[in-house]
Amino acid sequence: MTYRIILFALCSLPIISTAQWQEKGGTFDLAHLVRQQFKLNLLSPGFTYELGLFKNVSASGGLGLGYATYEEGYAVGLTLHTRVRYYHNFNNRIDKNKNVSGNSGNYIAAARSIFFSQMRLATNIEGPDDFNLGFYGMVYGIQRTYEKGFNFNLELGAGYYQGDGVPNGYGPLLNFTFGWVATKRKKKDPYLDKIKP
């Protein structure tokens, strides 16, 4: 447990150290991120909630279909995901006149995913029927939100799988969601309006 906390803290330091608040008009605001975004997953039952913390940094959590694979085998099922995301290409997308609303960008994230036995659909991992599996690592993600609110999010990463009732190991993580953003999205960027003539 101690090693996981240390690993998470070390992975989060570069993200937190580069995070900045953007001050405008005497109040703190986020330059490009939507402060709160709630998404309903359409391909599988589930949801995602994302909270903007700092400029280009958000925390997200949700429930959705996930796929885990490591030395011991694979597991597929509804999974609890938590992420601390650092979006690295908002400015490049804006320079190319591309959409950044609805947190449309690419990100690096410290990631945790928990595969609970009660929500598992399939597995070939040998062990008791009621084992749980946790993933702790880093992912690279791409998120896009379109004008009508449809959203997709694709993540690929690697990390440590800790088994509860089964052996531990290392392996990749693949996560894909397609859904609809139920909260209001920024139509235009007030930060850009202020700095451009």
N, C-alpha and C. Protein backbone atom coordinates (compact mmCIF):
# COMPACT_ATOMS: atom_id res chain seq x y z
N MET A 1 0.83 -1.20 0.00
CA MET A 1 0.00 0.00 0.00
C MET A 1 0.87 1.26 0.00
N THR A 2 1.94 1.23 0.81
CA THR A 2 2.83 2.39 0.88
C THR A 2 3.48 2.67 -0.46
N TYR A 3 3.89 1.59 -1.16
CA TYR A 3 4.52 1.76 -2.47
C TYR A 3 3.57 2.39 -3.47
N ARG A 4 2.30 2.03 -3.43
CA ARG A 4 1.31 2.62 -4.34
C ARG A 4 1.15 4.11 -4.09
N ILE A 5 1.10 4.50 -2.83
CA ILE A 5 0.95 5.92 -2.49
C ILE A 5 2.16 6.71 -2.97
N ILE A 6 3.37 6.15 -2.73
CA ILE A 6 4.59 6.83 -3.17
C ILE A 6 4.63 6.93 -4.68
N LEU A 7 4.27 5.83 -5.40
CA LEU A 7 4.25 5.83 -6.86
C LEU A 7 3.26 6.87 -7.38
N PHE A 8 2.08 6.94 -6.80
CA PHE A 8 1.07 7.90 -7.24
C PHE A 8 1.57 9.33 -7.00
N ALA A 9 2.19 9.58 -5.84
CA ALA A 9 2.68 10.92 -5.53
C ALA A 9 3.79 11.33 -6.48
N LEU A 10 4.71 10.41 -6.77
CA LEU A 10 5.81 10.73 -7.69
C LEU A 10 5.30 10.99 -9.11
N CYS A 11 4.32 10.22 -9.54
CA CYS A 11 3.76 10.41 -10.88
C CYS A 11 2.96 11.71 -10.98
N SER A 12 2.40 12.15 -9.86
CA SER A 12 1.57 13.36 -9.87
C SER A 12 2.38 14.64 -9.73
N LEU A 13 3.60 14.57 -9.22
CA LEU A 13 4.40 15.78 -9.00
C LEU A 13 4.60 16.60 -10.26
N PRO A 14 5.00 16.00 -11.41
CA PRO A 14 5.18 16.84 -12.60
C PRO A 14 3.88 17.51 -13.04
N ILE A 15 2.78 16.81 -12.85
CA ILE A 15 1.48 17.38 -13.25
C ILE A 15 1.13 18.56 -12.36
N ILE A 16 1.26 18.37 -11.05
CA ILE A 16 0.88 19.43 -10.11
C ILE A 16 1.84 20.60 -10.19
N SER A 17 3.14 20.33 -10.39
CA SER A 17 4.11 21.42 -10.41
C SER A 17 3.94 22.32 -11.62
N THR A 18 3.40 21.81 -12.73
CA THR A 18 3.20 22.65 -13.92
C THR A 18 1.81 23.28 -13.94
N ALA A 19 0.96 22.90 -13.00
CA ALA A 19 -0.39 23.44 -12.98
C ALA A 19 -0.37 24.87 -12.47
N GLN A 20 -1.23 25.72 -13.09
CA GLN A 20 -1.31 27.11 -12.68
C GLN A 20 -2.77 27.55 -12.72
N TRP A 21 -3.11 28.45 -11.82
CA TRP A 21 -4.41 29.10 -11.89
C TRP A 21 -4.31 30.25 -12.87
N GLN A 22 -5.38 30.51 -13.57
CA GLN A 22 -5.44 31.67 -14.46
C GLN A 22 -6.34 32.70 -13.79
N GLU A 23 -5.79 33.86 -13.46
CA GLU A 23 -6.56 34.88 -12.77
C GLU A 23 -7.09 35.88 -13.78
N LYS A 24 -8.41 36.13 -13.71
CA LYS A 24 -9.03 37.10 -14.61
C LYS A 24 -10.08 37.87 -13.82
N GLY A 25 -10.01 39.15 -13.90
CA GLY A 25 -11.04 39.99 -13.29
C GLY A 25 -11.17 39.83 -11.79
N GLY A 26 -10.08 39.48 -11.10
CA GLY A 26 -10.13 39.36 -9.65
C GLY A 26 -10.65 38.03 -9.15
N THR A 27 -11.09 37.15 -10.04
CA THR A 27 -11.55 35.83 -9.62
C THR A 27 -10.71 34.76 -10.31
N PHE A 28 -10.63 33.61 -9.69
CA PHE A 28 -9.88 32.51 -10.27
C PHE A 28 -10.77 31.74 -11.23
N ASP A 29 -10.23 31.44 -12.41
CA ASP A 29 -10.99 30.74 -13.42
C ASP A 29 -10.06 29.78 -14.14
N LEU A 30 -10.61 28.82 -14.85
CA LEU A 30 -9.82 27.89 -15.63
C LEU A 30 -9.73 28.40 -17.05
N ALA A 31 -8.52 28.40 -17.61
CA ALA A 31 -8.32 28.98 -18.94
C ALA A 31 -9.09 28.23 -20.02
N HIS A 32 -8.94 26.93 -20.10
CA HIS A 32 -9.57 26.17 -21.19
C HIS A 32 -10.49 25.06 -20.69
N LEU A 33 -10.29 24.58 -19.48
CA LEU A 33 -11.07 23.46 -18.98
C LEU A 33 -12.47 23.87 -18.59
N VAL A 34 -13.41 22.95 -18.77
CA VAL A 34 -14.75 23.12 -18.22
C VAL A 34 -14.64 22.77 -16.74
N ARG A 35 -15.21 23.61 -15.89
CA ARG A 35 -15.06 23.38 -14.45
C ARG A 35 -15.70 22.06 -14.02
N GLN A 36 -16.89 21.75 -14.52
CA GLN A 36 -17.55 20.50 -14.18
C GLN A 36 -18.15 19.90 -15.45
N GLN A 37 -17.87 18.61 -15.67
CA GLN A 37 -18.40 17.95 -16.86
C GLN A 37 -18.89 16.56 -16.45
N PHE A 38 -20.16 16.29 -16.77
CA PHE A 38 -20.78 14.99 -16.46
C PHE A 38 -21.15 14.32 -17.77
N LYS A 39 -20.68 13.09 -17.97
CA LYS A 39 -20.91 12.38 -19.22
C LYS A 39 -21.61 11.06 -18.94
N LEU A 40 -22.65 10.76 -19.72
CA LEU A 40 -23.32 9.46 -19.68
C LEU A 40 -22.72 8.59 -20.77
N ASN A 41 -22.26 7.39 -20.41
CA ASN A 41 -21.70 6.47 -21.39
C ASN A 41 -22.82 5.77 -22.13
N LEU A 42 -22.73 5.74 -23.46
CA LEU A 42 -23.78 5.16 -24.28
C LEU A 42 -23.48 3.72 -24.71
N LEU A 43 -22.21 3.36 -24.90
CA LEU A 43 -21.88 2.00 -25.34
C LEU A 43 -22.01 0.98 -24.22
N SER A 44 -21.75 1.40 -23.02
CA SER A 44 -21.91 0.53 -21.86
C SER A 44 -22.54 1.34 -20.74
N PRO A 45 -23.24 0.70 -19.83
CA PRO A 45 -23.82 1.48 -18.74
C PRO A 45 -22.72 2.12 -17.92
N GLY A 46 -22.90 3.39 -17.61
CA GLY A 46 -21.91 4.06 -16.79
C GLY A 46 -21.92 5.56 -16.97
N PHE A 47 -21.01 6.22 -16.30
CA PHE A 47 -20.93 7.68 -16.32
C PHE A 47 -19.50 8.09 -16.00
N THR A 48 -19.17 9.35 -16.31
CA THR A 48 -17.89 9.94 -15.96
C THR A 48 -18.13 11.36 -15.48
N TYR A 49 -17.49 11.74 -14.39
CA TYR A 49 -17.55 13.10 -13.88
C TYR A 49 -16.14 13.65 -13.87
N GLU A 50 -15.94 14.84 -14.47
CA GLU A 50 -14.62 15.46 -14.53
C GLU A 50 -14.69 16.85 -13.91
N LEU A 51 -13.74 17.14 -13.04
CA LEU A 51 -13.70 18.41 -12.32
C LEU A 51 -12.41 19.13 -12.66
N GLY A 52 -12.50 20.34 -13.24
CA GLY A 52 -11.32 21.14 -13.52
C GLY A 52 -10.73 21.68 -12.23
N LEU A 53 -9.44 21.43 -12.01
CA LEU A 53 -8.77 21.85 -10.78
C LEU A 53 -7.92 23.09 -10.99
N PHE A 54 -7.04 23.05 -11.99
CA PHE A 54 -6.12 24.12 -12.30
C PHE A 54 -6.11 24.28 -13.81
N LYS A 55 -5.32 25.23 -14.28
CA LYS A 55 -5.15 25.38 -15.72
C LYS A 55 -4.58 24.07 -16.28
N ASN A 56 -5.32 23.42 -17.19
CA ASN A 56 -4.94 22.19 -17.88
C ASN A 56 -4.94 20.94 -17.00
N VAL A 57 -5.38 21.01 -15.75
CA VAL A 57 -5.38 19.85 -14.86
C VAL A 57 -6.79 19.58 -14.35
N SER A 58 -7.21 18.32 -14.44
CA SER A 58 -8.53 17.95 -13.94
C SER A 58 -8.43 16.62 -13.20
N ALA A 59 -9.45 16.34 -12.41
CA ALA A 59 -9.61 15.04 -11.76
C ALA A 59 -10.91 14.44 -12.29
N SER A 60 -10.89 13.15 -12.58
CA SER A 60 -12.11 12.52 -13.08
C SER A 60 -12.32 11.18 -12.41
N GLY A 61 -13.57 10.79 -12.36
CA GLY A 61 -13.94 9.50 -11.82
C GLY A 61 -15.19 9.02 -12.51
N GLY A 62 -15.34 7.72 -12.56
CA GLY A 62 -16.54 7.20 -13.20
C GLY A 62 -16.60 5.70 -13.19
N LEU A 63 -17.68 5.21 -13.75
CA LEU A 63 -17.95 3.79 -13.84
C LEU A 63 -18.20 3.46 -15.30
N GLY A 64 -17.49 2.47 -15.83
CA GLY A 64 -17.69 2.08 -17.22
C GLY A 64 -17.03 0.76 -17.51
N LEU A 65 -17.22 0.27 -18.71
CA LEU A 65 -16.65 -0.99 -19.14
C LEU A 65 -15.14 -0.85 -19.25
N GLY A 66 -14.39 -1.81 -18.72
CA GLY A 66 -12.93 -1.77 -18.77
C GLY A 66 -12.36 -3.13 -19.11
N TYR A 67 -11.14 -3.12 -19.66
CA TYR A 67 -10.45 -4.35 -20.04
C TYR A 67 -9.07 -4.35 -19.40
N ALA A 68 -8.78 -5.36 -18.59
CA ALA A 68 -7.48 -5.50 -17.93
C ALA A 68 -6.79 -6.74 -18.44
N THR A 69 -5.48 -6.64 -18.67
CA THR A 69 -4.71 -7.82 -19.04
C THR A 69 -3.30 -7.71 -18.46
N TYR A 70 -2.83 -8.79 -17.87
CA TYR A 70 -1.47 -8.84 -17.34
C TYR A 70 -1.02 -10.29 -17.35
N GLU A 71 0.13 -10.58 -16.71
CA GLU A 71 0.72 -11.92 -16.82
C GLU A 71 -0.24 -13.05 -16.46
N GLU A 72 -1.15 -12.81 -15.53
CA GLU A 72 -2.04 -13.86 -15.06
C GLU A 72 -3.26 -14.09 -15.95
N GLY A 73 -3.58 -13.14 -16.83
CA GLY A 73 -4.75 -13.31 -17.70
C GLY A 73 -5.45 -11.99 -17.92
N TYR A 74 -6.75 -12.05 -18.19
CA TYR A 74 -7.53 -10.84 -18.47
C TYR A 74 -8.80 -10.81 -17.63
N ALA A 75 -9.37 -9.62 -17.53
CA ALA A 75 -10.67 -9.44 -16.88
C ALA A 75 -11.41 -8.33 -17.61
N VAL A 76 -12.70 -8.53 -17.83
CA VAL A 76 -13.55 -7.55 -18.50
C VAL A 76 -14.77 -7.32 -17.62
N GLY A 77 -15.14 -6.06 -17.43
CA GLY A 77 -16.34 -5.79 -16.66
C GLY A 77 -16.48 -4.32 -16.35
N LEU A 78 -17.54 -3.98 -15.63
CA LEU A 78 -17.72 -2.60 -15.19
C LEU A 78 -16.64 -2.28 -14.18
N THR A 79 -16.02 -1.12 -14.37
CA THR A 79 -14.81 -0.77 -13.64
C THR A 79 -14.93 0.64 -13.07
N LEU A 80 -14.42 0.84 -11.87
CA LEU A 80 -14.37 2.17 -11.27
C LEU A 80 -13.04 2.81 -11.67
N HIS A 81 -13.09 3.92 -12.40
CA HIS A 81 -11.90 4.61 -12.88
C HIS A 81 -11.73 5.94 -12.15
N THR A 82 -10.51 6.26 -11.74
CA THR A 82 -10.17 7.60 -11.25
C THR A 82 -8.89 8.05 -11.95
N ARG A 83 -8.84 9.34 -12.30
CA ARG A 83 -7.72 9.89 -13.04
C ARG A 83 -7.40 11.30 -12.54
N VAL A 84 -6.11 11.67 -12.61
CA VAL A 84 -5.67 13.05 -12.51
C VAL A 84 -5.04 13.35 -13.86
N ARG A 85 -5.69 14.22 -14.65
CA ARG A 85 -5.31 14.45 -16.05
C ARG A 85 -4.57 15.77 -16.22
N TYR A 86 -3.53 15.74 -17.05
CA TYR A 86 -2.84 16.96 -17.47
C TYR A 86 -2.99 17.06 -18.98
N TYR A 87 -3.78 18.04 -19.45
CA TYR A 87 -3.99 18.27 -20.88
C TYR A 87 -2.82 19.08 -21.43
N HIS A 88 -2.12 18.53 -22.41
CA HIS A 88 -0.88 19.17 -22.87
C HIS A 88 -0.99 19.90 -24.20
N ASN A 89 -2.12 19.81 -24.91
CA ASN A 89 -2.14 20.39 -26.26
C ASN A 89 -3.28 21.38 -26.50
N PHE A 90 -3.83 21.99 -25.47
CA PHE A 90 -4.89 22.97 -25.69
C PHE A 90 -4.41 24.13 -26.57
N ASN A 91 -3.25 24.69 -26.26
CA ASN A 91 -2.76 25.83 -27.04
C ASN A 91 -2.50 25.46 -28.49
N ASN A 92 -1.93 24.28 -28.75
CA ASN A 92 -1.71 23.84 -30.14
C ASN A 92 -3.03 23.69 -30.88
N ARG A 93 -4.04 23.15 -30.21
CA ARG A 93 -5.35 22.98 -30.87
C ARG A 93 -5.97 24.35 -31.18
N ILE A 94 -5.82 25.30 -30.26
CA ILE A 94 -6.37 26.64 -30.49
C ILE A 94 -5.63 27.31 -31.64
N ASP A 95 -4.30 27.19 -31.69
CA ASP A 95 -3.51 27.78 -32.78
C ASP A 95 -3.93 27.23 -34.14
N LYS A 96 -4.38 25.97 -34.18
CA LYS A 96 -4.83 25.35 -35.44
C LYS A 96 -6.33 25.52 -35.65
N ASN A 97 -6.97 26.38 -34.81
CA ASN A 97 -8.40 26.66 -34.90
C ASN A 97 -9.25 25.41 -34.69
N LYS A 98 -8.81 24.54 -33.77
CA LYS A 98 -9.56 23.32 -33.44
C LYS A 98 -10.30 23.52 -32.13
N ASN A 99 -11.34 22.74 -31.94
CA ASN A 99 -12.20 22.81 -30.78
C ASN A 99 -11.49 22.35 -29.51
N VAL A 100 -11.64 23.11 -28.42
CA VAL A 100 -11.17 22.67 -27.11
C VAL A 100 -12.32 22.62 -26.10
N SER A 101 -13.54 22.97 -26.52
CA SER A 101 -14.67 22.94 -25.59
C SER A 101 -14.97 21.51 -25.19
N GLY A 102 -15.54 21.36 -24.01
CA GLY A 102 -15.83 20.02 -23.50
C GLY A 102 -14.56 19.24 -23.20
N ASN A 103 -13.47 19.97 -22.90
CA ASN A 103 -12.17 19.36 -22.59
C ASN A 103 -11.68 18.48 -23.74
N SER A 104 -11.81 19.00 -24.96
CA SER A 104 -11.31 18.29 -26.14
C SER A 104 -9.81 18.50 -26.25
N GLY A 105 -9.07 17.47 -25.93
CA GLY A 105 -7.61 17.55 -25.97
C GLY A 105 -6.98 16.21 -25.67
N ASN A 106 -5.67 16.20 -25.69
CA ASN A 106 -4.89 15.01 -25.36
C ASN A 106 -4.29 15.20 -23.97
N TYR A 107 -4.17 14.11 -23.21
CA TYR A 107 -3.70 14.24 -21.84
C TYR A 107 -2.85 13.04 -21.40
N ILE A 108 -2.08 13.30 -20.35
CA ILE A 108 -1.35 12.27 -19.63
C ILE A 108 -1.98 12.21 -18.25
N ALA A 109 -2.18 11.01 -17.72
CA ALA A 109 -2.89 10.92 -16.44
C ALA A 109 -2.30 9.86 -15.52
N ALA A 110 -2.25 10.19 -14.24
CA ALA A 110 -2.05 9.18 -13.21
C ALA A 110 -3.40 8.46 -13.09
N ALA A 111 -3.36 7.11 -13.13
CA ALA A 111 -4.61 6.36 -13.28
C ALA A 111 -4.75 5.27 -12.23
N ARG A 112 -5.99 5.07 -11.82
CA ARG A 112 -6.36 3.94 -10.98
C ARG A 112 -7.67 3.39 -11.51
N SER A 113 -7.74 2.07 -11.67
CA SER A 113 -8.97 1.41 -12.09
C SER A 113 -9.16 0.18 -11.21
N ILE A 114 -10.37 0.00 -10.70
CA ILE A 114 -10.68 -1.13 -9.84
C ILE A 114 -11.70 -2.01 -10.55
N PHE A 115 -11.34 -3.28 -10.75
CA PHE A 115 -12.21 -4.28 -11.37
C PHE A 115 -12.81 -5.12 -10.25
N PHE A 116 -14.07 -4.88 -9.94
CA PHE A 116 -14.74 -5.59 -8.85
C PHE A 116 -15.33 -6.90 -9.34
N SER A 117 -15.29 -7.90 -8.48
CA SER A 117 -15.79 -9.23 -8.86
C SER A 117 -17.29 -9.21 -9.16
N GLN A 118 -18.04 -8.38 -8.45
CA GLN A 118 -19.50 -8.35 -8.63
C GLN A 118 -19.90 -7.81 -9.99
N MET A 119 -19.01 -7.03 -10.65
CA MET A 119 -19.36 -6.41 -11.92
C MET A 119 -18.58 -7.01 -13.10
N ARG A 120 -17.88 -8.12 -12.86
CA ARG A 120 -17.06 -8.74 -13.90
C ARG A 120 -17.93 -9.51 -14.88
N LEU A 121 -17.63 -9.37 -16.17
CA LEU A 121 -18.36 -10.08 -17.22
C LEU A 121 -17.63 -11.34 -17.67
N ALA A 122 -16.29 -11.28 -17.75
CA ALA A 122 -15.51 -12.43 -18.19
C ALA A 122 -14.09 -12.32 -17.66
N THR A 123 -13.46 -13.50 -17.44
CA THR A 123 -12.06 -13.54 -17.01
C THR A 123 -11.49 -14.92 -17.29
N ASN A 124 -10.17 -15.00 -17.42
CA ASN A 124 -9.50 -16.30 -17.48
C ASN A 124 -8.43 -16.39 -16.39
N ILE A 125 -8.48 -15.48 -15.42
CA ILE A 125 -7.53 -15.49 -14.31
C ILE A 125 -7.96 -16.58 -13.32
N GLU A 126 -7.03 -17.46 -12.99
CA GLU A 126 -7.34 -18.55 -12.07
C GLU A 126 -7.33 -18.03 -10.63
N GLY A 127 -8.36 -18.39 -9.91
CA GLY A 127 -8.47 -17.96 -8.53
C GLY A 127 -9.91 -18.08 -8.06
N PRO A 128 -10.20 -17.57 -6.88
CA PRO A 128 -11.58 -17.62 -6.37
C PRO A 128 -12.50 -16.75 -7.23
N ASP A 129 -13.80 -17.05 -7.18
CA ASP A 129 -14.77 -16.29 -7.98
C ASP A 129 -14.89 -14.84 -7.54
N ASP A 130 -14.59 -14.55 -6.28
CA ASP A 130 -14.84 -13.21 -5.76
C ASP A 130 -13.58 -12.35 -5.69
N PHE A 131 -12.58 -12.57 -6.56
CA PHE A 131 -11.37 -11.75 -6.50
C PHE A 131 -11.62 -10.38 -7.13
N ASN A 132 -10.88 -9.39 -6.62
CA ASN A 132 -10.88 -8.04 -7.17
C ASN A 132 -9.49 -7.75 -7.74
N LEU A 133 -9.42 -6.77 -8.63
CA LEU A 133 -8.16 -6.45 -9.28
C LEU A 133 -8.06 -4.93 -9.40
N GLY A 134 -6.92 -4.38 -8.99
CA GLY A 134 -6.71 -2.93 -9.08
C GLY A 134 -5.55 -2.61 -10.00
N PHE A 135 -5.72 -1.57 -10.82
CA PHE A 135 -4.67 -1.09 -11.72
C PHE A 135 -4.18 0.26 -11.20
N TYR A 136 -2.84 0.43 -11.15
CA TYR A 136 -2.23 1.69 -10.73
C TYR A 136 -1.11 2.00 -11.72
N GLY A 137 -1.22 3.11 -12.44
CA GLY A 137 -0.19 3.41 -13.43
C GLY A 137 -0.44 4.73 -14.12
N MET A 138 0.04 4.83 -15.35
CA MET A 138 -0.09 6.03 -16.18
C MET A 138 -0.80 5.66 -17.47
N VAL A 139 -1.60 6.60 -17.98
CA VAL A 139 -2.26 6.40 -19.27
C VAL A 139 -2.09 7.66 -20.12
N TYR A 140 -2.16 7.47 -21.43
CA TYR A 140 -2.23 8.58 -22.37
C TYR A 140 -3.62 8.55 -22.97
N GLY A 141 -4.31 9.69 -22.96
CA GLY A 141 -5.69 9.71 -23.40
C GLY A 141 -5.97 10.78 -24.43
N ILE A 142 -7.01 10.52 -25.22
CA ILE A 142 -7.52 11.46 -26.22
C ILE A 142 -9.01 11.62 -25.93
N GLN A 143 -9.44 12.85 -25.73
CA GLN A 143 -10.87 13.12 -25.50
C GLN A 143 -11.34 14.18 -26.48
N ARG A 144 -12.51 13.95 -27.06
CA ARG A 144 -13.12 14.92 -27.97
C ARG A 144 -14.60 15.04 -27.63
N THR A 145 -15.07 16.28 -27.55
CA THR A 145 -16.49 16.57 -27.35
C THR A 145 -16.96 17.40 -28.53
N TYR A 146 -18.04 16.98 -29.17
CA TYR A 146 -18.53 17.64 -30.38
C TYR A 146 -19.68 18.58 -30.03
N GLU A 147 -20.07 19.39 -31.00
CA GLU A 147 -21.02 20.48 -30.78
C GLU A 147 -22.33 20.02 -30.17
N LYS A 148 -22.84 18.86 -30.58
CA LYS A 148 -24.12 18.35 -30.04
C LYS A 148 -23.95 17.66 -28.70
N GLY A 149 -22.72 17.57 -28.18
CA GLY A 149 -22.50 16.98 -26.87
C GLY A 149 -21.96 15.57 -26.88
N PHE A 150 -21.89 14.94 -28.07
CA PHE A 150 -21.33 13.59 -28.11
C PHE A 150 -19.84 13.64 -27.82
N ASN A 151 -19.37 12.62 -27.11
CA ASN A 151 -18.00 12.61 -26.60
C ASN A 151 -17.40 11.22 -26.73
N PHE A 152 -16.12 11.16 -27.09
CA PHE A 152 -15.41 9.89 -26.97
C PHE A 152 -14.11 10.12 -26.22
N ASN A 153 -13.67 9.07 -25.55
CA ASN A 153 -12.44 9.10 -24.76
C ASN A 153 -11.73 7.77 -24.94
N LEU A 154 -10.48 7.81 -25.39
CA LEU A 154 -9.67 6.62 -25.60
C LEU A 154 -8.41 6.74 -24.76
N GLU A 155 -8.11 5.71 -23.96
CA GLU A 155 -6.94 5.70 -23.11
C GLU A 155 -6.15 4.41 -23.30
N LEU A 156 -4.83 4.54 -23.31
CA LEU A 156 -3.93 3.40 -23.35
C LEU A 156 -2.81 3.66 -22.36
N GLY A 157 -2.53 2.69 -21.52
CA GLY A 157 -1.51 2.90 -20.51
C GLY A 157 -0.90 1.60 -20.03
N ALA A 158 -0.04 1.71 -19.04
CA ALA A 158 0.61 0.55 -18.45
C ALA A 158 0.81 0.82 -16.97
N GLY A 159 0.86 -0.27 -16.20
CA GLY A 159 1.05 -0.10 -14.77
C GLY A 159 1.06 -1.41 -14.04
N TYR A 160 0.81 -1.31 -12.76
CA TYR A 160 0.88 -2.44 -11.84
C TYR A 160 -0.53 -2.90 -11.50
N TYR A 161 -0.77 -4.20 -11.62
CA TYR A 161 -2.05 -4.80 -11.25
C TYR A 161 -1.89 -5.47 -9.89
N GLN A 162 -2.69 -5.05 -8.93
CA GLN A 162 -2.67 -5.67 -7.61
C GLN A 162 -3.91 -6.52 -7.45
N GLY A 163 -3.69 -7.80 -7.21
CA GLY A 163 -4.81 -8.72 -7.07
C GLY A 163 -5.21 -8.89 -5.62
N ASP A 164 -6.51 -9.01 -5.40
CA ASP A 164 -7.06 -9.32 -4.09
C ASP A 164 -7.61 -10.74 -4.20
N GLY A 165 -6.79 -11.73 -3.87
CA GLY A 165 -7.16 -13.13 -4.03
C GLY A 165 -6.50 -13.79 -5.23
N VAL A 166 -5.80 -13.01 -6.05
CA VAL A 166 -5.06 -13.53 -7.20
C VAL A 166 -3.68 -12.86 -7.22
N PRO A 167 -2.71 -13.42 -7.95
CA PRO A 167 -1.36 -12.83 -7.97
C PRO A 167 -1.33 -11.43 -8.58
N ASN A 168 -0.31 -10.66 -8.20
CA ASN A 168 -0.07 -9.32 -8.74
C ASN A 168 0.76 -9.43 -10.02
N GLY A 169 0.86 -8.33 -10.76
CA GLY A 169 1.69 -8.33 -11.97
C GLY A 169 1.64 -6.98 -12.67
N TYR A 170 2.31 -6.91 -13.82
CA TYR A 170 2.38 -5.70 -14.63
C TYR A 170 1.71 -5.95 -15.97
N GLY A 171 1.13 -4.88 -16.55
CA GLY A 171 0.51 -5.04 -17.85
C GLY A 171 -0.11 -3.75 -18.35
N PRO A 172 -0.70 -3.79 -19.56
CA PRO A 172 -1.33 -2.62 -20.15
C PRO A 172 -2.77 -2.44 -19.70
N LEU A 173 -3.33 -1.27 -20.00
CA LEU A 173 -4.75 -0.99 -19.76
C LEU A 173 -5.30 -0.29 -20.99
N LEU A 174 -6.43 -0.73 -21.47
CA LEU A 174 -7.14 -0.10 -22.58
C LEU A 174 -8.52 0.29 -22.10
N ASN A 175 -8.90 1.54 -22.36
CA ASN A 175 -10.20 2.03 -21.93
C ASN A 175 -10.79 2.91 -23.03
N PHE A 176 -12.03 2.64 -23.43
CA PHE A 176 -12.71 3.44 -24.45
C PHE A 176 -14.13 3.71 -23.98
N THR A 177 -14.56 4.97 -24.08
CA THR A 177 -15.94 5.32 -23.80
C THR A 177 -16.49 6.21 -24.91
N PHE A 178 -17.76 6.05 -25.17
CA PHE A 178 -18.49 6.92 -26.09
C PHE A 178 -19.76 7.33 -25.37
N GLY A 179 -20.00 8.63 -25.30
CA GLY A 179 -21.17 9.07 -24.55
C GLY A 179 -21.64 10.44 -24.93
N TRP A 180 -22.44 11.01 -24.04
CA TRP A 180 -23.03 12.32 -24.26
C TRP A 180 -22.81 13.17 -23.02
N VAL A 181 -22.29 14.37 -23.22
CA VAL A 181 -22.02 15.30 -22.11
C VAL A 181 -23.32 15.99 -21.73
N ALA A 182 -23.75 15.77 -20.50
CA ALA A 182 -25.04 16.30 -20.04
C ALA A 182 -24.94 17.69 -19.44
N THR A 183 -23.73 18.19 -19.22
CA THR A 183 -23.55 19.51 -18.64
C THR A 183 -23.23 20.53 -19.73
N LYS A 184 -23.37 21.80 -19.37
CA LYS A 184 -23.13 22.88 -20.32
C LYS A 184 -21.65 22.94 -20.70
N ARG A 185 -21.38 23.16 -21.99
CA ARG A 185 -20.02 23.25 -22.49
C ARG A 185 -19.70 24.69 -22.84
N LYS A 186 -18.42 25.07 -22.70
CA LYS A 186 -18.00 26.42 -23.10
C LYS A 186 -18.13 26.54 -24.61
N LYS A 187 -18.80 27.58 -25.08
CA LYS A 187 -18.95 27.80 -26.51
C LYS A 187 -17.72 28.47 -27.11
N LYS A 188 -17.18 29.46 -26.39
CA LYS A 188 -15.96 30.09 -26.84
C LYS A 188 -15.09 30.36 -25.63
N ASP A 189 -13.83 30.57 -25.86
CA ASP A 189 -12.86 30.67 -24.79
C ASP A 189 -12.69 32.12 -24.33
N PRO A 190 -13.16 32.48 -23.12
CA PRO A 190 -13.04 33.86 -22.65
C PRO A 190 -11.58 34.28 -22.45
N TYR A 191 -10.71 33.35 -22.19
CA TYR A 191 -9.29 33.65 -22.02
C TYR A 191 -8.71 34.19 -23.34
N LEU A 192 -9.07 33.55 -24.45
CA LEU A 192 -8.56 34.01 -25.75
C LEU A 192 -9.16 35.36 -26.12
N ASP A 193 -10.41 35.57 -25.79
CA ASP A 193 -11.04 36.87 -26.10
C ASP A 193 -10.32 38.01 -25.40
N LYS A 194 -9.77 37.73 -24.21
CA LYS A 194 -9.11 38.77 -23.45
C LYS A 194 -7.72 39.11 -24.00
N ILE A 195 -6.99 38.08 -24.50
CA ILE A 195 -5.63 38.33 -24.93
C ILE A 195 -5.51 38.67 -26.41
N LYS A 196 -6.55 38.39 -27.20
CA LYS A 196 -6.49 38.72 -28.63
C LYS A 196 -7.21 40.02 -28.90
N PRO A 197 -6.70 40.85 -29.82
CA PRO A 197 -7.36 42.12 -30.13
C PRO A 197 -8.66 41.91 -30.87
